[in-house]
Amino acid sequence: MTTNVYSTLHVSIEDGVARIVLDNPPVNVLDATMMRELRTALDALRGDSSVR
């Protein structure tokens, strides 16, 4: 499963393993948007029973 609801992240889940790819060109700066989206993604994954 791949989710592209974020503007600075790509989230995928495969075989119970979640992968978050940072995608904030040109240098992947950790800005306020990325921090907010990362927090939202991690909160969602914490509650997902399909992720180990």
C-alpha atoms as a PDB file:
ATOM      1  CA  MET A   1       0.000   0.000   0.000  1.00  0.00           C
ATOM      2  CA  THR A   2       1.325   3.454  -0.918  1.00  0.00           C
ATOM      3  CA  THR A   3      -0.139   6.715   0.307  1.00  0.00           C
ATOM      4  CA  ASN A   4       0.554  10.026  -1.410  1.00  0.00           C
ATOM      5  CA  VAL A   5      -1.602  12.329   0.700  1.00  0.00           C
ATOM      6  CA  TYR A   6       1.442  14.266   1.904  1.00  0.00           C
ATOM      7  CA  SER A   7       3.291  16.967  -0.006  1.00  0.00           C
ATOM      8  CA  THR A   8       6.742  16.231   1.494  1.00  0.00           C
ATOM      9  CA  LEU A   9       6.556  12.491   2.269  1.00  0.00           C
ATOM     10  CA  HIS A  10       5.834   9.212   0.530  1.00  0.00           C
ATOM     11  CA  VAL A  11       4.445   6.544   2.858  1.00  0.00           C
ATOM     12  CA  SER A  12       4.210   2.881   1.933  1.00  0.00           C
ATOM     13  CA  ILE A  13       3.451  -0.315   3.825  1.00  0.00           C
ATOM     14  CA  GLU A  14       4.581  -3.697   2.571  1.00  0.00           C
ATOM     15  CA  ASP A  15       4.498  -6.965   4.517  1.00  0.00           C
ATOM     16  CA  GLY A  16       3.862  -5.136   7.780  1.00  0.00           C
ATOM     17  CA  VAL A  17       6.802  -2.753   7.359  1.00  0.00           C
ATOM     18  CA  ALA A  18       6.143   0.961   6.946  1.00  0.00           C
ATOM     19  CA  ARG A  19       8.514   3.091   4.911  1.00  0.00           C
ATOM     20  CA  ILE A  20       8.518   6.899   4.969  1.00  0.00           C
ATOM     21  CA  VAL A  21      10.532   8.618   2.258  1.00  0.00           C
ATOM     22  CA  LEU A  22      11.361  12.285   2.747  1.00  0.00           C
ATOM     23  CA  ASP A  23      10.731  14.190  -0.489  1.00  0.00           C
ATOM     24  CA  ASN A  24      11.185  17.927  -0.028  1.00  0.00           C
ATOM     25  CA  PRO A  25      13.407  19.085  -2.918  1.00  0.00           C
ATOM     26  CA  PRO A  26      15.856  20.458  -3.561  1.00  0.00           C
ATOM     27  CA  VAL A  27      17.654  19.453  -0.329  1.00  0.00           C
ATOM     28  CA  ASN A  28      15.029  17.697   1.849  1.00  0.00           C
ATOM     29  CA  VAL A  29      14.985  20.497   4.405  1.00  0.00           C
ATOM     30  CA  LEU A  30      13.082  19.605   7.573  1.00  0.00           C
ATOM     31  CA  ASP A  31      10.668  22.542   7.529  1.00  0.00           C
ATOM     32  CA  ALA A  32       7.418  23.113   9.407  1.00  0.00           C
ATOM     33  CA  THR A  33       5.335  21.363   6.735  1.00  0.00           C
ATOM     34  CA  MET A  34       7.515  18.252   6.739  1.00  0.00           C
ATOM     35  CA  MET A  35       7.575  18.097  10.548  1.00  0.00           C
ATOM     36  CA  ARG A  36       3.768  18.372  10.674  1.00  0.00           C
ATOM     37  CA  GLU A  37       3.300  15.708   7.989  1.00  0.00           C
ATOM     38  CA  LEU A  38       5.851  13.406   9.622  1.00  0.00           C
ATOM     39  CA  ARG A  39       4.062  13.679  12.964  1.00  0.00           C
ATOM     40  CA  THR A  40       0.704  12.979  11.279  1.00  0.00           C
ATOM     41  CA  ALA A  41       2.101   9.975   9.392  1.00  0.00           C
ATOM     42  CA  LEU A  42       3.748   8.508  12.490  1.00  0.00           C
ATOM     43  CA  ASP A  43       0.567   8.960  14.545  1.00  0.00           C
ATOM     44  CA  ALA A  44      -1.427   7.183  11.819  1.00  0.00           C
ATOM     45  CA  LEU A  45       1.086   4.328  11.604  1.00  0.00           C
ATOM     46  CA  ARG A  46       1.140   3.912  15.384  1.00  0.00           C
ATOM     47  CA  GLY A  47      -2.572   3.151  15.290  1.00  0.00           C
ATOM     48  CA  ASP A  48      -2.333   0.808  12.268  1.00  0.00           C
ATOM     49  CA  SER A  49      -2.457  -2.800  13.455  1.00  0.00           C
ATOM     50  CA  SER A  50      -1.129  -4.053  10.106  1.00  0.00           C
ATOM     51  CA  VAL A  51       2.266  -2.402  10.791  1.00  0.00           C
ATOM     52  CA  ARG A  52       4.674  -4.394  12.944  1.00  0.00           C
END
